[in-house]
């Protein structure tokens, strides 16, 4: 009984590892975020497998369904549409449940939009922080990106930023510059998968300007980010107290 968590390409189908291909071919069942998308990958590499959907809308019921099958000795592979399951994608619930049942869980690493964007941005250093869907590498929705960049530009206009779009795909693009420059260039929402990279804050670029920080919180909230998360983000960028920002935003 084994649950294999498999990383799949974030764009280019040739980026999949040999180990993942072997696992997908030998598994009794492959759980997929979107069976149609996974089928494209399998056909490309000549693999036949039994597929079953596993996504945010059926994650709870599928987890309950999978545990008895895993305990019975089935070999199950878990994939998402791109990258590693459970990282801003479905899968964490099944992994926790399997470990709680004493079921072996193995992770097959592979492509990652986080590390790819970090290196492509030119802002790579000796450490970084990943914050998932906003709120310094973050995934961001294309529809919210323009508002997010405007908020960053309002709080810290000179902070280095890179917006990485459609990584490893045909229309891959990396837009680099200060927060103000990138916000101006991407005033209209772009298309595709977005990974946002924020460079380090120099002391001279982090004025404790509470009025501008409060404006940034307001814009993030208006763009759909929860108020508490918006205050945490802006506080981390500017050094202004989270409580002061939260109270000011009410």
C-alpha atoms as a PDB file:
ATOM      1  CA  UNK A   1       0.000   0.000   0.000  1.00  0.00           C
ATOM      2  CA  UNK A   2       1.636   3.173  -1.227  1.00  0.00           C
ATOM      3  CA  UNK A   3       0.543   6.696  -2.054  1.00  0.00           C
ATOM      4  CA  UNK A   4       2.966   8.294  -4.519  1.00  0.00           C
ATOM      5  CA  UNK A   5       2.741  12.092  -4.790  1.00  0.00           C
ATOM      6  CA  UNK A   6       4.034  12.911  -8.271  1.00  0.00           C
ATOM      7  CA  UNK A   7       5.204  16.245  -9.670  1.00  0.00           C
ATOM      8  CA  UNK A   8       4.117  16.933 -13.237  1.00  0.00           C
ATOM      9  CA  UNK A   9       5.276  19.557 -15.780  1.00  0.00           C
ATOM     10  CA  UNK A  10       4.247  23.168 -15.210  1.00  0.00           C
ATOM     11  CA  UNK A  11       4.126  23.695 -18.961  1.00  0.00           C
ATOM     12  CA  UNK A  12       6.499  21.801 -21.253  1.00  0.00           C
ATOM     13  CA  UNK A  13       5.483  18.118 -21.253  1.00  0.00           C
ATOM     14  CA  UNK A  14       9.102  17.019 -21.640  1.00  0.00           C
ATOM     15  CA  UNK A  15       9.945  18.279 -18.153  1.00  0.00           C
ATOM     16  CA  UNK A  16       8.447  15.211 -16.426  1.00  0.00           C
ATOM     17  CA  UNK A  17      10.951  12.898 -14.698  1.00  0.00           C
ATOM     18  CA  UNK A  18      11.610   9.279 -15.674  1.00  0.00           C
ATOM     19  CA  UNK A  19      10.700   8.202 -12.150  1.00  0.00           C
ATOM     20  CA  UNK A  20       7.283   9.872 -12.354  1.00  0.00           C
ATOM     21  CA  UNK A  21       6.567   8.277 -15.734  1.00  0.00           C
ATOM     22  CA  UNK A  22       7.410   4.854 -14.350  1.00  0.00           C
ATOM     23  CA  UNK A  23       5.192   5.402 -11.313  1.00  0.00           C
ATOM     24  CA  UNK A  24       2.243   6.560 -13.411  1.00  0.00           C
ATOM     25  CA  UNK A  25       2.595   3.491 -15.608  1.00  0.00           C
ATOM     26  CA  UNK A  26       2.810   1.030 -12.716  1.00  0.00           C
ATOM     27  CA  UNK A  27       0.181   2.523 -10.388  1.00  0.00           C
ATOM     28  CA  UNK A  28      -3.150   0.730  -9.953  1.00  0.00           C
ATOM     29  CA  UNK A  29      -4.874   4.102 -10.015  1.00  0.00           C
ATOM     30  CA  UNK A  30      -3.889   7.699 -10.816  1.00  0.00           C
ATOM     31  CA  UNK A  31      -5.754  10.494  -9.012  1.00  0.00           C
ATOM     32  CA  UNK A  32      -5.881  13.656 -11.148  1.00  0.00           C
ATOM     33  CA  UNK A  33      -6.990  17.221 -10.613  1.00  0.00           C
ATOM     34  CA  UNK A  34      -8.255  17.172 -14.222  1.00  0.00           C
ATOM     35  CA  UNK A  35      -8.297  13.767 -15.949  1.00  0.00           C
ATOM     36  CA  UNK A  36      -8.343  15.390 -19.403  1.00  0.00           C
ATOM     37  CA  UNK A  37      -5.157  17.324 -18.721  1.00  0.00           C
ATOM     38  CA  UNK A  38      -3.372  14.320 -17.238  1.00  0.00           C
ATOM     39  CA  UNK A  39      -4.435  12.195 -20.207  1.00  0.00           C
ATOM     40  CA  UNK A  40      -2.579  14.591 -22.512  1.00  0.00           C
ATOM     41  CA  UNK A  41       0.635  13.987 -20.546  1.00  0.00           C
ATOM     42  CA  UNK A  42       0.130  10.223 -20.518  1.00  0.00           C
ATOM     43  CA  UNK A  43      -0.588  10.027 -24.247  1.00  0.00           C
ATOM     44  CA  UNK A  44       2.506  12.111 -24.982  1.00  0.00           C
ATOM     45  CA  UNK A  45       4.648   9.503 -23.219  1.00  0.00           C
ATOM     46  CA  UNK A  46       2.754   6.394 -24.308  1.00  0.00           C
ATOM     47  CA  UNK A  47       1.361   5.492 -20.897  1.00  0.00           C
ATOM     48  CA  UNK A  48      -1.963   3.832 -20.165  1.00  0.00           C
ATOM     49  CA  UNK A  49      -3.399   4.213 -16.686  1.00  0.00           C
ATOM     50  CA  UNK A  50      -6.676   4.161 -14.793  1.00  0.00           C
ATOM     51  CA  UNK A  51      -7.593   7.757 -13.973  1.00  0.00           C
ATOM     52  CA  UNK A  52      -9.938   9.147 -11.332  1.00  0.00           C
ATOM     53  CA  UNK A  53     -10.684  12.798 -10.580  1.00  0.00           C
ATOM     54  CA  UNK A  54      -9.421  14.323  -7.326  1.00  0.00           C
ATOM     55  CA  UNK A  55     -10.010  18.057  -6.992  1.00  0.00           C
ATOM     56  CA  UNK A  56     -11.073  20.710  -4.491  1.00  0.00           C
ATOM     57  CA  UNK A  57     -14.780  19.916  -4.914  1.00  0.00           C
ATOM     58  CA  UNK A  58     -14.528  16.176  -4.186  1.00  0.00           C
ATOM     59  CA  UNK A  59     -11.345  16.035  -2.095  1.00  0.00           C
ATOM     60  CA  UNK A  60     -13.103  15.011   1.125  1.00  0.00           C
ATOM     61  CA  UNK A  61     -15.190  12.219  -0.405  1.00  0.00           C
ATOM     62  CA  UNK A  62     -12.330  10.911  -2.552  1.00  0.00           C
ATOM     63  CA  UNK A  63     -10.019  10.804   0.483  1.00  0.00           C
ATOM     64  CA  UNK A  64     -12.539   8.667   2.362  1.00  0.00           C
ATOM     65  CA  UNK A  65     -12.871   6.449  -0.715  1.00  0.00           C
ATOM     66  CA  UNK A  66      -9.118   6.006  -1.191  1.00  0.00           C
ATOM     67  CA  UNK A  67      -8.114   5.013   2.333  1.00  0.00           C
ATOM     68  CA  UNK A  68      -9.716   1.529   2.245  1.00  0.00           C
ATOM     69  CA  UNK A  69      -8.219   0.890  -1.182  1.00  0.00           C
ATOM     70  CA  UNK A  70      -4.762   1.915   0.010  1.00  0.00           C
ATOM     71  CA  UNK A  71      -5.113  -0.241   3.113  1.00  0.00           C
ATOM     72  CA  UNK A  72      -6.093  -3.127   0.827  1.00  0.00           C
ATOM     73  CA  UNK A  73      -2.751  -2.820  -0.927  1.00  0.00           C
ATOM     74  CA  UNK A  74      -3.495  -0.711  -3.990  1.00  0.00           C
ATOM     75  CA  UNK A  75      -0.757   1.483  -5.384  1.00  0.00           C
ATOM     76  CA  UNK A  76      -2.121   4.982  -5.932  1.00  0.00           C
ATOM     77  CA  UNK A  77      -0.391   7.910  -7.674  1.00  0.00           C
ATOM     78  CA  UNK A  78      -1.546  11.473  -7.033  1.00  0.00           C
ATOM     79  CA  UNK A  79      -0.968  14.301  -9.533  1.00  0.00           C
ATOM     80  CA  UNK A  80      -2.229  17.853  -9.987  1.00  0.00           C
ATOM     81  CA  UNK A  81      -2.562  19.797 -13.225  1.00  0.00           C
ATOM     82  CA  UNK A  82       0.963  21.182 -12.834  1.00  0.00           C
ATOM     83  CA  UNK A  83       3.750  20.980 -10.292  1.00  0.00           C
ATOM     84  CA  UNK A  84       3.586  19.114  -6.999  1.00  0.00           C
ATOM     85  CA  UNK A  85       0.209  18.219  -5.438  1.00  0.00           C
ATOM     86  CA  UNK A  86      -0.596  19.781  -2.039  1.00  0.00           C
ATOM     87  CA  UNK A  87       1.398  22.957  -2.864  1.00  0.00           C
ATOM     88  CA  UNK A  88      -1.450  25.393  -3.619  1.00  0.00           C
ATOM     89  CA  UNK A  89      -3.224  22.385  -5.194  1.00  0.00           C
ATOM     90  CA  UNK A  90      -5.405  19.536  -3.854  1.00  0.00           C
ATOM     91  CA  UNK A  91      -3.641  16.672  -2.099  1.00  0.00           C
ATOM     92  CA  UNK A  92      -2.724  17.743   1.434  1.00  0.00           C
ATOM     93  CA  UNK A  93      -5.884  16.170   2.897  1.00  0.00           C
ATOM     94  CA  UNK A  94      -5.132  12.771   1.360  1.00  0.00           C
ATOM     95  CA  UNK A  95      -1.475  12.883   2.404  1.00  0.00           C
ATOM     96  CA  UNK A  96      -2.405  13.676   6.035  1.00  0.00           C
ATOM     97  CA  UNK A  97      -5.079  10.979   6.108  1.00  0.00           C
ATOM     98  CA  UNK A  98      -2.761   8.353   4.623  1.00  0.00           C
ATOM     99  CA  UNK A  99       0.010   9.132   7.096  1.00  0.00           C
ATOM    100  CA  UNK A 100      -2.514   8.971   9.928  1.00  0.00           C
ATOM    101  CA  UNK A 101      -3.479   5.463   8.808  1.00  0.00           C
ATOM    102  CA  UNK A 102       0.143   4.323   8.685  1.00  0.00           C
ATOM    103  CA  UNK A 103       0.104   4.160   4.885  1.00  0.00           C
ATOM    104  CA  UNK A 104       3.428   4.725   3.136  1.00  0.00           C
ATOM    105  CA  UNK A 105       3.633   8.075   1.348  1.00  0.00           C
ATOM    106  CA  UNK A 106       6.448   8.799  -1.084  1.00  0.00           C
ATOM    107  CA  UNK A 107       7.065  12.074  -2.919  1.00  0.00           C
ATOM    108  CA  UNK A 108       8.479  12.120  -6.438  1.00  0.00           C
ATOM    109  CA  UNK A 109       9.936  15.620  -6.988  1.00  0.00           C
ATOM    110  CA  UNK A 110       9.998  17.481 -10.237  1.00  0.00           C
ATOM    111  CA  UNK A 111       9.171  20.831 -11.881  1.00  0.00           C
ATOM    112  CA  UNK A 112       8.258  23.759  -9.644  1.00  0.00           C
ATOM    113  CA  UNK A 113       6.988  27.184 -10.661  1.00  0.00           C
ATOM    114  CA  UNK A 114       8.437  28.569  -7.420  1.00  0.00           C
ATOM    115  CA  UNK A 115      12.094  27.734  -8.029  1.00  0.00           C
ATOM    116  CA  UNK A 116      11.778  28.317 -11.784  1.00  0.00           C
ATOM    117  CA  UNK A 117      10.393  31.817 -11.273  1.00  0.00           C
ATOM    118  CA  UNK A 118      12.924  32.593  -8.551  1.00  0.00           C
ATOM    119  CA  UNK A 119      15.873  31.839 -10.823  1.00  0.00           C
ATOM    120  CA  UNK A 120      14.283  33.471 -13.901  1.00  0.00           C
ATOM    121  CA  UNK A 121      13.596  36.656 -11.943  1.00  0.00           C
ATOM    122  CA  UNK A 122      17.275  37.287 -11.277  1.00  0.00           C
ATOM    123  CA  UNK A 123      16.369  38.029  -7.653  1.00  0.00           C
ATOM    124  CA  UNK A 124      17.594  34.719  -6.255  1.00  0.00           C
ATOM    125  CA  UNK A 125      19.438  34.901  -2.942  1.00  0.00           C
ATOM    126  CA  UNK A 126      20.439  32.588  -0.119  1.00  0.00           C
ATOM    127  CA  UNK A 127      16.847  32.306   1.134  1.00  0.00           C
ATOM    128  CA  UNK A 128      13.277  33.028   0.090  1.00  0.00           C
ATOM    129  CA  UNK A 129       9.734  32.761   1.412  1.00  0.00           C
ATOM    130  CA  UNK A 130       6.839  31.160  -0.459  1.00  0.00           C
ATOM    131  CA  UNK A 131       3.403  32.526   0.425  1.00  0.00           C
ATOM    132  CA  UNK A 132       1.089  30.624  -1.915  1.00  0.00           C
ATOM    133  CA  UNK A 133      -1.762  32.535  -3.492  1.00  0.00           C
ATOM    134  CA  UNK A 134      -0.843  36.013  -2.397  1.00  0.00           C
ATOM    135  CA  UNK A 135      -0.355  36.952   0.511  1.00  0.00           C
ATOM    136  CA  UNK A 136       8.892  36.499  -1.419  1.00  0.00           C
ATOM    137  CA  UNK A 137       7.530  34.245  -4.183  1.00  0.00           C
ATOM    138  CA  UNK A 138       3.769  34.055  -4.591  1.00  0.00           C
ATOM    139  CA  UNK A 139       1.215  32.742  -7.033  1.00  0.00           C
ATOM    140  CA  UNK A 140      -1.327  35.324  -8.098  1.00  0.00           C
ATOM    141  CA  UNK A 141      -4.511  35.348 -10.136  1.00  0.00           C
ATOM    142  CA  UNK A 142      -4.153  37.197 -13.477  1.00  0.00           C
ATOM    143  CA  UNK A 143      -7.365  39.088 -12.724  1.00  0.00           C
ATOM    144  CA  UNK A 144      -5.968  40.432  -9.439  1.00  0.00           C
ATOM    145  CA  UNK A 145      -2.405  41.021 -10.569  1.00  0.00           C
ATOM    146  CA  UNK A 146      -2.827  44.630 -11.715  1.00  0.00           C
ATOM    147  CA  UNK A 147      -4.419  45.646  -8.395  1.00  0.00           C
ATOM    148  CA  UNK A 148      -1.723  43.803  -6.463  1.00  0.00           C
ATOM    149  CA  UNK A 149       1.052  45.557  -8.392  1.00  0.00           C
ATOM    150  CA  UNK A 150      -0.579  48.943  -7.841  1.00  0.00           C
ATOM    151  CA  UNK A 151      -0.677  48.252  -4.110  1.00  0.00           C
ATOM    152  CA  UNK A 152       2.972  47.217  -4.078  1.00  0.00           C
ATOM    153  CA  UNK A 153       3.909  50.305  -6.075  1.00  0.00           C
ATOM    154  CA  UNK A 154       2.008  52.516  -3.630  1.00  0.00           C
ATOM    155  CA  UNK A 155       3.775  51.003  -0.629  1.00  0.00           C
ATOM    156  CA  UNK A 156       7.278  50.556  -2.084  1.00  0.00           C
ATOM    157  CA  UNK A 157       7.618  51.921  -5.636  1.00  0.00           C
ATOM    158  CA  UNK A 158      11.344  51.147  -5.942  1.00  0.00           C
ATOM    159  CA  UNK A 159      11.209  47.555  -4.685  1.00  0.00           C
ATOM    160  CA  UNK A 160      12.471  45.090  -7.352  1.00  0.00           C
ATOM    161  CA  UNK A 161       9.723  42.866  -8.745  1.00  0.00           C
ATOM    162  CA  UNK A 162       9.477  40.135 -11.369  1.00  0.00           C
ATOM    163  CA  UNK A 163       6.237  38.829 -12.849  1.00  0.00           C
ATOM    164  CA  UNK A 164       6.776  35.390 -14.390  1.00  0.00           C
ATOM    165  CA  UNK A 165       4.037  34.308 -16.794  1.00  0.00           C
ATOM    166  CA  UNK A 166       3.452  30.932 -18.483  1.00  0.00           C
ATOM    167  CA  UNK A 167       6.755  29.455 -17.304  1.00  0.00           C
ATOM    168  CA  UNK A 168       8.199  26.730 -19.599  1.00  0.00           C
ATOM    169  CA  UNK A 169       5.305  27.236 -22.035  1.00  0.00           C
ATOM    170  CA  UNK A 170       5.262  28.649 -25.567  1.00  0.00           C
ATOM    171  CA  UNK A 171       4.506  32.226 -24.500  1.00  0.00           C
ATOM    172  CA  UNK A 172       6.784  32.351 -21.446  1.00  0.00           C
ATOM    173  CA  UNK A 173       7.482  35.910 -20.330  1.00  0.00           C
ATOM    174  CA  UNK A 174       9.316  37.495 -17.397  1.00  0.00           C
ATOM    175  CA  UNK A 175       8.690  41.187 -16.698  1.00  0.00           C
ATOM    176  CA  UNK A 176      11.321  42.690 -14.390  1.00  0.00           C
ATOM    177  CA  UNK A 177      11.719  46.115 -12.856  1.00  0.00           C
ATOM    178  CA  UNK A 178      10.705  48.237  -9.900  1.00  0.00           C
ATOM    179  CA  UNK A 179       7.207  47.808  -8.489  1.00  0.00           C
ATOM    180  CA  UNK A 180       6.203  51.116 -10.057  1.00  0.00           C
ATOM    181  CA  UNK A 181       7.607  50.194 -13.483  1.00  0.00           C
ATOM    182  CA  UNK A 182       6.053  46.734 -13.556  1.00  0.00           C
ATOM    183  CA  UNK A 183       2.697  48.071 -12.347  1.00  0.00           C
ATOM    184  CA  UNK A 184       2.687  50.516 -15.255  1.00  0.00           C
ATOM    185  CA  UNK A 185       3.684  47.887 -17.816  1.00  0.00           C
ATOM    186  CA  UNK A 186       1.038  45.425 -16.600  1.00  0.00           C
ATOM    187  CA  UNK A 187      -1.822  47.835 -16.048  1.00  0.00           C
ATOM    188  CA  UNK A 188      -4.101  45.448 -17.961  1.00  0.00           C
ATOM    189  CA  UNK A 189      -4.583  41.890 -16.607  1.00  0.00           C
ATOM    190  CA  UNK A 190      -2.286  39.446 -18.446  1.00  0.00           C
ATOM    191  CA  UNK A 191      -3.289  35.929 -19.439  1.00  0.00           C
ATOM    192  CA  UNK A 192      -1.930  32.645 -18.144  1.00  0.00           C
ATOM    193  CA  UNK A 193      -0.333  31.263 -14.998  1.00  0.00           C
ATOM    194  CA  UNK A 194       1.399  33.930 -12.892  1.00  0.00           C
ATOM    195  CA  UNK A 195       4.197  33.661 -10.333  1.00  0.00           C
ATOM    196  CA  UNK A 196       5.172  36.885  -8.569  1.00  0.00           C
ATOM    197  CA  UNK A 197       8.678  37.393  -7.162  1.00  0.00           C
ATOM    198  CA  UNK A 198       9.528  40.270  -4.807  1.00  0.00           C
ATOM    199  CA  UNK A 199      13.124  41.335  -4.322  1.00  0.00           C
ATOM    200  CA  UNK A 200      14.666  42.296  -0.970  1.00  0.00           C
ATOM    201  CA  UNK A 201      13.782  45.573   0.680  1.00  0.00           C
ATOM    202  CA  UNK A 202      16.676  47.958   1.189  1.00  0.00           C
ATOM    203  CA  UNK A 203      16.449  50.052   4.319  1.00  0.00           C
ATOM    204  CA  UNK A 204      16.202  53.213   2.240  1.00  0.00           C
ATOM    205  CA  UNK A 205      13.252  51.754   0.337  1.00  0.00           C
ATOM    206  CA  UNK A 206      11.146  50.960   3.414  1.00  0.00           C
ATOM    207  CA  UNK A 207       9.788  54.241   4.804  1.00  0.00           C
ATOM    208  CA  UNK A 208       7.232  53.805   7.570  1.00  0.00           C
ATOM    209  CA  UNK A 209       4.644  55.809   5.729  1.00  0.00           C
ATOM    210  CA  UNK A 210       1.418  54.741   7.406  1.00  0.00           C
ATOM    211  CA  UNK A 211      -0.851  56.663   5.064  1.00  0.00           C
ATOM    212  CA  UNK A 212       0.557  54.943   1.966  1.00  0.00           C
ATOM    213  CA  UNK A 213       0.573  51.595   3.754  1.00  0.00           C
ATOM    214  CA  UNK A 214      -3.098  52.051   4.686  1.00  0.00           C
ATOM    215  CA  UNK A 215      -3.897  52.875   1.051  1.00  0.00           C
ATOM    216  CA  UNK A 216      -2.179  49.653  -0.012  1.00  0.00           C
ATOM    217  CA  UNK A 217      -4.287  47.642   2.459  1.00  0.00           C
ATOM    218  CA  UNK A 218      -7.444  49.256   1.130  1.00  0.00           C
ATOM    219  CA  UNK A 219      -6.565  48.418  -2.480  1.00  0.00           C
ATOM    220  CA  UNK A 220      -5.810  44.792  -1.632  1.00  0.00           C
ATOM    221  CA  UNK A 221      -9.107  44.448   0.236  1.00  0.00           C
ATOM    222  CA  UNK A 222     -10.970  45.996  -2.694  1.00  0.00           C
ATOM    223  CA  UNK A 223      -9.221  43.491  -4.986  1.00  0.00           C
ATOM    224  CA  UNK A 224     -10.668  40.628  -2.925  1.00  0.00           C
ATOM    225  CA  UNK A 225      -7.946  39.784  -0.399  1.00  0.00           C
ATOM    226  CA  UNK A 226      -9.213  39.194   3.174  1.00  0.00           C
ATOM    227  CA  UNK A 227      -8.558  42.203   5.401  1.00  0.00           C
ATOM    228  CA  UNK A 228      -6.389  40.304   7.884  1.00  0.00           C
ATOM    229  CA  UNK A 229      -4.237  38.815   5.100  1.00  0.00           C
ATOM    230  CA  UNK A 230      -3.903  42.217   3.433  1.00  0.00           C
ATOM    231  CA  UNK A 231      -2.670  43.820   6.659  1.00  0.00           C
ATOM    232  CA  UNK A 232      -0.171  40.984   7.207  1.00  0.00           C
ATOM    233  CA  UNK A 233       1.218  41.414   3.696  1.00  0.00           C
ATOM    234  CA  UNK A 234       1.543  45.205   3.824  1.00  0.00           C
ATOM    235  CA  UNK A 235       2.950  45.090   7.349  1.00  0.00           C
ATOM    236  CA  UNK A 236       5.642  42.672   6.189  1.00  0.00           C
ATOM    237  CA  UNK A 237       6.509  44.948   3.259  1.00  0.00           C
ATOM    238  CA  UNK A 238       6.543  48.257   5.126  1.00  0.00           C
ATOM    239  CA  UNK A 239       7.206  47.499   8.780  1.00  0.00           C
ATOM    240  CA  UNK A 240       4.036  49.298   9.871  1.00  0.00           C
ATOM    241  CA  UNK A 241       2.253  47.532  12.739  1.00  0.00           C
ATOM    242  CA  UNK A 242      -0.379  45.020  11.624  1.00  0.00           C
ATOM    243  CA  UNK A 243      -2.774  46.155  14.342  1.00  0.00           C
ATOM    244  CA  UNK A 244      -2.437  49.819  13.321  1.00  0.00           C
ATOM    245  CA  UNK A 245      -3.040  48.938   9.676  1.00  0.00           C
ATOM    246  CA  UNK A 246      -6.006  46.716  10.502  1.00  0.00           C
ATOM    247  CA  UNK A 247      -7.616  49.304  12.761  1.00  0.00           C
ATOM    248  CA  UNK A 248      -7.040  52.032  10.178  1.00  0.00           C
ATOM    249  CA  UNK A 249      -8.682  49.945   7.455  1.00  0.00           C
ATOM    250  CA  UNK A 250     -11.968  49.509   9.341  1.00  0.00           C
END
